[in-house]
């Protein structure tokens, strides 16, 4: 009997590929950024200064500075949001991007938390952008990703780089319930200024979610640690 040498796509890679396909069909461009970031891009430019209490939300892995202390303060990025600023510095609006990538936080590991995980970031900068535009985009994505019965609702929340900010819930008809999937909102005017744009002329929306969470919901994977433990019994199912 001939040996089956066919490989398998890891579920995280599969989710990233599916998300990229859906969003590019909606006019988004895929952008990638560095995993080792600076405090400037990871926090300061996103309206999270050193004394802001929101920094407690990100348990950061800081990188030991050089002996001469001349290099910018470095860290392992806690989210993919720094790429918003990096992209805006080299591109003129309007634009739409998604940023898939690995992120790191100093968190205790359990069934829903890991010290390293993947995020999918989205950013749109254009004129007269509203929450209605954001909701429509996410509805199209989730209907393609989870199925045509998916619905989206927005609940008020807080993120320092968006105003207003919302939590995004998706309706799962099989479970007959709403589940929180991502955070989003309209880009804060100060962040638009940090991009180098006039907030009276340009507006935008942003969203971000955990890729592992999307995979867990879509494929019924009960524990985030299963993505990283190297057990081929799970990988071979995909």
C-alpha atoms as a PDB file:
ATOM      1  CA  UNK A   1       0.000   0.000   0.000  1.00  0.00           C
ATOM      2  CA  UNK A   2       1.355   3.401  -0.964  1.00  0.00           C
ATOM      3  CA  UNK A   3       2.200   5.652   1.949  1.00  0.00           C
ATOM      4  CA  UNK A   4       0.132   8.811   2.286  1.00  0.00           C
ATOM      5  CA  UNK A   5       2.643  11.664   2.488  1.00  0.00           C
ATOM      6  CA  UNK A   6       0.068  14.424   2.273  1.00  0.00           C
ATOM      7  CA  UNK A   7       0.600  17.132   4.858  1.00  0.00           C
ATOM      8  CA  UNK A   8      -1.961  19.024   6.918  1.00  0.00           C
ATOM      9  CA  UNK A   9      -2.590  22.735   7.310  1.00  0.00           C
ATOM     10  CA  UNK A  10      -2.485  23.857  10.932  1.00  0.00           C
ATOM     11  CA  UNK A  11      -5.879  25.270  12.010  1.00  0.00           C
ATOM     12  CA  UNK A  12      -4.303  28.645  12.836  1.00  0.00           C
ATOM     13  CA  UNK A  13      -2.844  28.843   9.326  1.00  0.00           C
ATOM     14  CA  UNK A  14      -6.205  27.803   7.906  1.00  0.00           C
ATOM     15  CA  UNK A  15      -8.053  30.555   9.764  1.00  0.00           C
ATOM     16  CA  UNK A  16      -5.499  33.163   8.653  1.00  0.00           C
ATOM     17  CA  UNK A  17      -5.829  32.045   5.022  1.00  0.00           C
ATOM     18  CA  UNK A  18      -9.635  32.078   5.179  1.00  0.00           C
ATOM     19  CA  UNK A  19      -9.715  35.502   6.836  1.00  0.00           C
ATOM     20  CA  UNK A  20      -7.290  36.957   4.303  1.00  0.00           C
ATOM     21  CA  UNK A  21      -9.374  35.591   1.433  1.00  0.00           C
ATOM     22  CA  UNK A  22     -12.595  37.082   2.807  1.00  0.00           C
ATOM     23  CA  UNK A  23     -11.176  40.484   3.672  1.00  0.00           C
ATOM     24  CA  UNK A  24      -9.234  40.895   0.426  1.00  0.00           C
ATOM     25  CA  UNK A  25     -12.522  40.248  -1.404  1.00  0.00           C
ATOM     26  CA  UNK A  26     -13.857  43.253   0.533  1.00  0.00           C
ATOM     27  CA  UNK A  27     -10.993  45.473  -0.642  1.00  0.00           C
ATOM     28  CA  UNK A  28      -8.556  45.022   2.237  1.00  0.00           C
ATOM     29  CA  UNK A  29      -4.789  44.697   1.878  1.00  0.00           C
ATOM     30  CA  UNK A  30      -2.776  42.307   4.045  1.00  0.00           C
ATOM     31  CA  UNK A  31       0.020  44.035   5.997  1.00  0.00           C
ATOM     32  CA  UNK A  32       2.635  42.461   8.262  1.00  0.00           C
ATOM     33  CA  UNK A  33       4.763  44.003  10.994  1.00  0.00           C
ATOM     34  CA  UNK A  34       7.583  43.164  13.422  1.00  0.00           C
ATOM     35  CA  UNK A  35       7.021  40.998  16.492  1.00  0.00           C
ATOM     36  CA  UNK A  36       9.686  42.924  18.430  1.00  0.00           C
ATOM     37  CA  UNK A  37       8.246  46.398  18.843  1.00  0.00           C
ATOM     38  CA  UNK A  38       9.049  49.666  20.545  1.00  0.00           C
ATOM     39  CA  UNK A  39       7.108  51.296  23.339  1.00  0.00           C
ATOM     40  CA  UNK A  40       6.523  54.170  20.933  1.00  0.00           C
ATOM     41  CA  UNK A  41       4.482  52.115  18.471  1.00  0.00           C
ATOM     42  CA  UNK A  42       2.982  49.558  20.854  1.00  0.00           C
ATOM     43  CA  UNK A  43       1.669  52.098  23.358  1.00  0.00           C
ATOM     44  CA  UNK A  44       2.461  55.813  22.953  1.00  0.00           C
ATOM     45  CA  UNK A  45       1.175  56.310  19.396  1.00  0.00           C
ATOM     46  CA  UNK A  46      -1.982  54.374  20.242  1.00  0.00           C
ATOM     47  CA  UNK A  47      -3.026  56.813  22.953  1.00  0.00           C
ATOM     48  CA  UNK A  48      -1.619  54.701  25.807  1.00  0.00           C
ATOM     49  CA  UNK A  49       1.051  56.855  27.507  1.00  0.00           C
ATOM     50  CA  UNK A  50       3.254  55.498  30.291  1.00  0.00           C
ATOM     51  CA  UNK A  51       0.942  56.725  33.074  1.00  0.00           C
ATOM     52  CA  UNK A  52      -2.294  55.487  31.445  1.00  0.00           C
ATOM     53  CA  UNK A  53      -4.102  52.833  33.550  1.00  0.00           C
ATOM     54  CA  UNK A  54      -4.999  50.950  30.354  1.00  0.00           C
ATOM     55  CA  UNK A  55      -1.403  49.707  30.198  1.00  0.00           C
ATOM     56  CA  UNK A  56      -2.370  47.280  32.945  1.00  0.00           C
ATOM     57  CA  UNK A  57      -4.547  45.507  30.362  1.00  0.00           C
ATOM     58  CA  UNK A  58      -1.402  44.382  28.530  1.00  0.00           C
ATOM     59  CA  UNK A  59       0.959  42.189  30.576  1.00  0.00           C
ATOM     60  CA  UNK A  60       4.051  43.079  28.619  1.00  0.00           C
ATOM     61  CA  UNK A  61       7.258  41.151  27.967  1.00  0.00           C
ATOM     62  CA  UNK A  62       9.871  43.928  28.084  1.00  0.00           C
ATOM     63  CA  UNK A  63      13.254  43.357  26.470  1.00  0.00           C
ATOM     64  CA  UNK A  64      16.304  44.230  28.545  1.00  0.00           C
ATOM     65  CA  UNK A  65      17.828  47.487  27.247  1.00  0.00           C
ATOM     66  CA  UNK A  66      21.363  47.717  25.939  1.00  0.00           C
ATOM     67  CA  UNK A  67      24.084  48.830  28.324  1.00  0.00           C
ATOM     68  CA  UNK A  68      24.378  52.231  26.668  1.00  0.00           C
ATOM     69  CA  UNK A  69      20.569  52.583  26.825  1.00  0.00           C
ATOM     70  CA  UNK A  70      20.537  54.331  23.434  1.00  0.00           C
ATOM     71  CA  UNK A  71      18.017  52.032  21.781  1.00  0.00           C
ATOM     72  CA  UNK A  72      14.254  52.705  22.063  1.00  0.00           C
ATOM     73  CA  UNK A  73      12.543  50.692  24.765  1.00  0.00           C
ATOM     74  CA  UNK A  74      11.792  47.328  23.156  1.00  0.00           C
ATOM     75  CA  UNK A  75       9.172  44.692  23.903  1.00  0.00           C
ATOM     76  CA  UNK A  76       7.373  41.739  22.402  1.00  0.00           C
ATOM     77  CA  UNK A  77       4.287  43.269  20.849  1.00  0.00           C
ATOM     78  CA  UNK A  78       1.181  42.797  22.962  1.00  0.00           C
ATOM     79  CA  UNK A  79      -1.173  43.284  20.010  1.00  0.00           C
ATOM     80  CA  UNK A  80      -0.991  43.781  16.253  1.00  0.00           C
ATOM     81  CA  UNK A  81      -2.248  47.374  16.579  1.00  0.00           C
ATOM     82  CA  UNK A  82       1.239  48.965  16.240  1.00  0.00           C
ATOM     83  CA  UNK A  83       1.038  48.119  12.562  1.00  0.00           C
ATOM     84  CA  UNK A  84      -1.802  50.633  12.255  1.00  0.00           C
ATOM     85  CA  UNK A  85       0.688  53.422  12.915  1.00  0.00           C
ATOM     86  CA  UNK A  86       3.499  51.912  10.881  1.00  0.00           C
ATOM     87  CA  UNK A  87       1.257  51.491   7.835  1.00  0.00           C
ATOM     88  CA  UNK A  88      -0.232  54.982   8.155  1.00  0.00           C
ATOM     89  CA  UNK A  89       3.255  56.534   8.279  1.00  0.00           C
ATOM     90  CA  UNK A  90       4.038  55.250   4.790  1.00  0.00           C
ATOM     91  CA  UNK A  91       0.626  55.322   3.070  1.00  0.00           C
ATOM     92  CA  UNK A  92      -1.862  58.031   2.259  1.00  0.00           C
ATOM     93  CA  UNK A  93      -5.566  57.489   2.960  1.00  0.00           C
ATOM     94  CA  UNK A  94      -7.986  56.120   2.068  1.00  0.00           C
ATOM     95  CA  UNK A  95      -6.870  52.566   2.803  1.00  0.00           C
ATOM     96  CA  UNK A  96      -8.081  49.302   4.302  1.00  0.00           C
ATOM     97  CA  UNK A  97      -5.740  46.771   5.883  1.00  0.00           C
ATOM     98  CA  UNK A  98      -5.790  43.616   7.959  1.00  0.00           C
ATOM     99  CA  UNK A  99      -2.799  42.552  10.026  1.00  0.00           C
ATOM    100  CA  UNK A 100      -2.557  38.889  11.068  1.00  0.00           C
ATOM    101  CA  UNK A 101       0.316  37.988  13.354  1.00  0.00           C
ATOM    102  CA  UNK A 102       1.713  36.590  16.577  1.00  0.00           C
ATOM    103  CA  UNK A 103       1.457  38.540  19.839  1.00  0.00           C
ATOM    104  CA  UNK A 104       2.757  37.994  23.361  1.00  0.00           C
ATOM    105  CA  UNK A 105       1.492  38.678  26.878  1.00  0.00           C
ATOM    106  CA  UNK A 106       2.784  37.632  30.286  1.00  0.00           C
ATOM    107  CA  UNK A 107      -0.361  35.744  31.284  1.00  0.00           C
ATOM    108  CA  UNK A 108      -1.061  32.560  33.210  1.00  0.00           C
ATOM    109  CA  UNK A 109      -1.829  29.704  30.825  1.00  0.00           C
ATOM    110  CA  UNK A 110      -5.221  28.040  30.965  1.00  0.00           C
ATOM    111  CA  UNK A 111      -7.831  26.740  28.525  1.00  0.00           C
ATOM    112  CA  UNK A 112      -8.493  30.205  27.078  1.00  0.00           C
ATOM    113  CA  UNK A 113      -5.197  32.082  27.672  1.00  0.00           C
ATOM    114  CA  UNK A 114      -1.672  31.640  26.362  1.00  0.00           C
ATOM    115  CA  UNK A 115       1.539  33.656  26.656  1.00  0.00           C
ATOM    116  CA  UNK A 116       1.774  33.669  22.860  1.00  0.00           C
ATOM    117  CA  UNK A 117      -1.203  33.821  20.540  1.00  0.00           C
ATOM    118  CA  UNK A 118      -2.266  35.266  17.192  1.00  0.00           C
ATOM    119  CA  UNK A 119      -4.382  38.310  16.446  1.00  0.00           C
ATOM    120  CA  UNK A 120      -6.187  39.628  13.402  1.00  0.00           C
ATOM    121  CA  UNK A 121      -6.174  43.420  13.255  1.00  0.00           C
ATOM    122  CA  UNK A 122      -8.254  45.521  10.891  1.00  0.00           C
ATOM    123  CA  UNK A 123      -8.030  49.227  10.060  1.00  0.00           C
ATOM    124  CA  UNK A 124      -9.970  51.430   7.661  1.00  0.00           C
ATOM    125  CA  UNK A 125      -9.203  55.129   7.177  1.00  0.00           C
ATOM    126  CA  UNK A 126     -11.493  57.101   4.886  1.00  0.00           C
ATOM    127  CA  UNK A 127     -13.922  60.016   4.939  1.00  0.00           C
ATOM    128  CA  UNK A 128     -17.229  59.860   6.834  1.00  0.00           C
ATOM    129  CA  UNK A 129     -16.582  56.417   8.335  1.00  0.00           C
ATOM    130  CA  UNK A 130     -19.243  55.286  10.829  1.00  0.00           C
ATOM    131  CA  UNK A 131     -20.066  52.371  13.112  1.00  0.00           C
ATOM    132  CA  UNK A 132     -22.574  51.294  10.474  1.00  0.00           C
ATOM    133  CA  UNK A 133     -19.670  50.751   8.050  1.00  0.00           C
ATOM    134  CA  UNK A 134     -17.847  48.740  10.702  1.00  0.00           C
ATOM    135  CA  UNK A 135     -20.886  46.578  11.456  1.00  0.00           C
ATOM    136  CA  UNK A 136     -21.569  45.883   7.772  1.00  0.00           C
ATOM    137  CA  UNK A 137     -17.972  44.802   7.179  1.00  0.00           C
ATOM    138  CA  UNK A 138     -17.967  42.459  10.165  1.00  0.00           C
ATOM    139  CA  UNK A 139     -21.342  41.009   9.190  1.00  0.00           C
ATOM    140  CA  UNK A 140     -19.991  40.130   5.756  1.00  0.00           C
ATOM    141  CA  UNK A 141     -16.890  38.556   7.273  1.00  0.00           C
ATOM    142  CA  UNK A 142     -18.672  36.432   9.856  1.00  0.00           C
ATOM    143  CA  UNK A 143     -21.337  35.249   7.426  1.00  0.00           C
ATOM    144  CA  UNK A 144     -18.566  33.987   5.178  1.00  0.00           C
ATOM    145  CA  UNK A 145     -16.457  32.611   8.026  1.00  0.00           C
ATOM    146  CA  UNK A 146     -19.046  31.022  10.336  1.00  0.00           C
ATOM    147  CA  UNK A 147     -22.046  30.683   8.037  1.00  0.00           C
ATOM    148  CA  UNK A 148     -24.967  32.686   6.585  1.00  0.00           C
ATOM    149  CA  UNK A 149     -26.990  32.585   9.820  1.00  0.00           C
ATOM    150  CA  UNK A 150     -24.372  34.646  11.667  1.00  0.00           C
ATOM    151  CA  UNK A 151     -25.500  38.015  12.994  1.00  0.00           C
ATOM    152  CA  UNK A 152     -23.500  40.798  14.668  1.00  0.00           C
ATOM    153  CA  UNK A 153     -24.338  43.055  17.577  1.00  0.00           C
ATOM    154  CA  UNK A 154     -22.259  45.834  19.121  1.00  0.00           C
ATOM    155  CA  UNK A 155     -22.049  46.584  22.861  1.00  0.00           C
ATOM    156  CA  UNK A 156     -20.400  49.671  24.433  1.00  0.00           C
ATOM    157  CA  UNK A 157     -16.891  49.113  25.768  1.00  0.00           C
ATOM    158  CA  UNK A 158     -13.586  50.950  26.238  1.00  0.00           C
ATOM    159  CA  UNK A 159     -10.291  50.859  24.371  1.00  0.00           C
ATOM    160  CA  UNK A 160      -7.880  53.805  24.543  1.00  0.00           C
ATOM    161  CA  UNK A 161      -7.308  53.890  20.778  1.00  0.00           C
ATOM    162  CA  UNK A 162     -10.990  53.927  19.715  1.00  0.00           C
ATOM    163  CA  UNK A 163     -13.898  56.241  20.564  1.00  0.00           C
ATOM    164  CA  UNK A 164     -16.591  55.053  20.715  1.00  0.00           C
ATOM    165  CA  UNK A 165     -15.452  51.516  21.477  1.00  0.00           C
ATOM    166  CA  UNK A 166     -17.528  48.363  21.206  1.00  0.00           C
ATOM    167  CA  UNK A 167     -17.421  44.654  21.947  1.00  0.00           C
ATOM    168  CA  UNK A 168     -18.572  42.584  18.988  1.00  0.00           C
ATOM    169  CA  UNK A 169     -20.868  39.603  19.611  1.00  0.00           C
ATOM    170  CA  UNK A 170     -21.765  37.025  16.971  1.00  0.00           C
ATOM    171  CA  UNK A 171     -24.972  34.988  16.956  1.00  0.00           C
ATOM    172  CA  UNK A 172     -24.416  31.243  16.616  1.00  0.00           C
ATOM    173  CA  UNK A 173     -27.640  29.566  15.588  1.00  0.00           C
ATOM    174  CA  UNK A 174     -26.463  26.027  16.451  1.00  0.00           C
ATOM    175  CA  UNK A 175     -25.728  27.041  20.046  1.00  0.00           C
ATOM    176  CA  UNK A 176     -28.665  29.465  20.029  1.00  0.00           C
ATOM    177  CA  UNK A 177     -26.654  32.195  21.762  1.00  0.00           C
ATOM    178  CA  UNK A 178     -24.470  35.281  21.354  1.00  0.00           C
ATOM    179  CA  UNK A 179     -20.727  34.954  21.929  1.00  0.00           C
ATOM    180  CA  UNK A 180     -18.197  37.769  22.281  1.00  0.00           C
ATOM    181  CA  UNK A 181     -15.647  37.509  19.479  1.00  0.00           C
ATOM    182  CA  UNK A 182     -13.716  40.785  19.108  1.00  0.00           C
ATOM    183  CA  UNK A 183     -13.222  44.401  20.147  1.00  0.00           C
ATOM    184  CA  UNK A 184     -13.644  47.316  17.762  1.00  0.00           C
ATOM    185  CA  UNK A 185     -14.583  50.973  17.405  1.00  0.00           C
ATOM    186  CA  UNK A 186     -13.990  54.213  15.567  1.00  0.00           C
ATOM    187  CA  UNK A 187     -10.353  55.288  15.574  1.00  0.00           C
ATOM    188  CA  UNK A 188      -9.724  57.867  18.299  1.00  0.00           C
ATOM    189  CA  UNK A 189      -9.119  61.385  16.862  1.00  0.00           C
ATOM    190  CA  UNK A 190      -5.796  61.569  18.714  1.00  0.00           C
ATOM    191  CA  UNK A 191      -4.656  58.368  17.030  1.00  0.00           C
ATOM    192  CA  UNK A 192      -5.691  59.807  13.661  1.00  0.00           C
ATOM    193  CA  UNK A 193      -3.459  62.794  14.505  1.00  0.00           C
ATOM    194  CA  UNK A 194      -0.651  60.416  15.442  1.00  0.00           C
ATOM    195  CA  UNK A 195      -1.042  58.840  12.004  1.00  0.00           C
ATOM    196  CA  UNK A 196      -0.244  62.289  10.623  1.00  0.00           C
ATOM    197  CA  UNK A 197      -3.771  62.905   9.291  1.00  0.00           C
ATOM    198  CA  UNK A 198      -6.302  65.634  10.026  1.00  0.00           C
ATOM    199  CA  UNK A 199      -9.128  64.124  12.140  1.00  0.00           C
ATOM    200  CA  UNK A 200     -11.520  66.769  10.771  1.00  0.00           C
ATOM    201  CA  UNK A 201     -10.945  65.310   7.308  1.00  0.00           C
ATOM    202  CA  UNK A 202     -10.239  61.634   7.957  1.00  0.00           C
ATOM    203  CA  UNK A 203     -11.991  59.105  10.171  1.00  0.00           C
ATOM    204  CA  UNK A 204     -11.704  55.364  10.507  1.00  0.00           C
ATOM    205  CA  UNK A 205     -12.617  52.173  12.282  1.00  0.00           C
ATOM    206  CA  UNK A 206     -10.498  49.389  13.731  1.00  0.00           C
ATOM    207  CA  UNK A 207     -11.146  45.886  15.015  1.00  0.00           C
ATOM    208  CA  UNK A 208      -9.122  43.076  16.519  1.00  0.00           C
ATOM    209  CA  UNK A 209      -9.706  39.484  17.556  1.00  0.00           C
ATOM    210  CA  UNK A 210      -7.821  36.377  18.583  1.00  0.00           C
ATOM    211  CA  UNK A 211      -7.232  33.969  15.714  1.00  0.00           C
ATOM    212  CA  UNK A 212      -7.183  31.034  18.128  1.00  0.00           C
ATOM    213  CA  UNK A 213     -10.610  32.107  19.407  1.00  0.00           C
ATOM    214  CA  UNK A 214     -11.979  32.105  15.863  1.00  0.00           C
ATOM    215  CA  UNK A 215     -10.537  28.630  15.307  1.00  0.00           C
ATOM    216  CA  UNK A 216     -11.897  27.331  18.612  1.00  0.00           C
ATOM    217  CA  UNK A 217     -15.386  28.546  17.785  1.00  0.00           C
ATOM    218  CA  UNK A 218     -15.361  27.316  14.191  1.00  0.00           C
ATOM    219  CA  UNK A 219     -13.835  23.893  14.781  1.00  0.00           C
ATOM    220  CA  UNK A 220     -15.014  23.146  18.325  1.00  0.00           C
ATOM    221  CA  UNK A 221     -11.525  23.079  19.865  1.00  0.00           C
ATOM    222  CA  UNK A 222     -11.974  23.251  23.663  1.00  0.00           C
ATOM    223  CA  UNK A 223      -8.506  24.334  24.832  1.00  0.00           C
ATOM    224  CA  UNK A 224      -6.166  26.975  23.359  1.00  0.00           C
ATOM    225  CA  UNK A 225      -3.136  24.972  24.522  1.00  0.00           C
ATOM    226  CA  UNK A 226      -3.968  22.285  21.967  1.00  0.00           C
ATOM    227  CA  UNK A 227      -2.757  24.596  19.193  1.00  0.00           C
ATOM    228  CA  UNK A 228       0.791  24.580  20.566  1.00  0.00           C
ATOM    229  CA  UNK A 229       1.368  21.215  22.242  1.00  0.00           C
ATOM    230  CA  UNK A 230       2.488  19.478  19.032  1.00  0.00           C
ATOM    231  CA  UNK A 231      -0.004  16.622  19.279  1.00  0.00           C
ATOM    232  CA  UNK A 232      -0.373  15.410  15.696  1.00  0.00           C
ATOM    233  CA  UNK A 233      -3.704  13.755  16.462  1.00  0.00           C
ATOM    234  CA  UNK A 234      -5.338  17.187  16.374  1.00  0.00           C
ATOM    235  CA  UNK A 235      -3.329  18.587  13.462  1.00  0.00           C
ATOM    236  CA  UNK A 236      -4.063  15.528  11.305  1.00  0.00           C
ATOM    237  CA  UNK A 237      -7.771  16.321  11.446  1.00  0.00           C
ATOM    238  CA  UNK A 238      -7.256  19.389   9.239  1.00  0.00           C
END
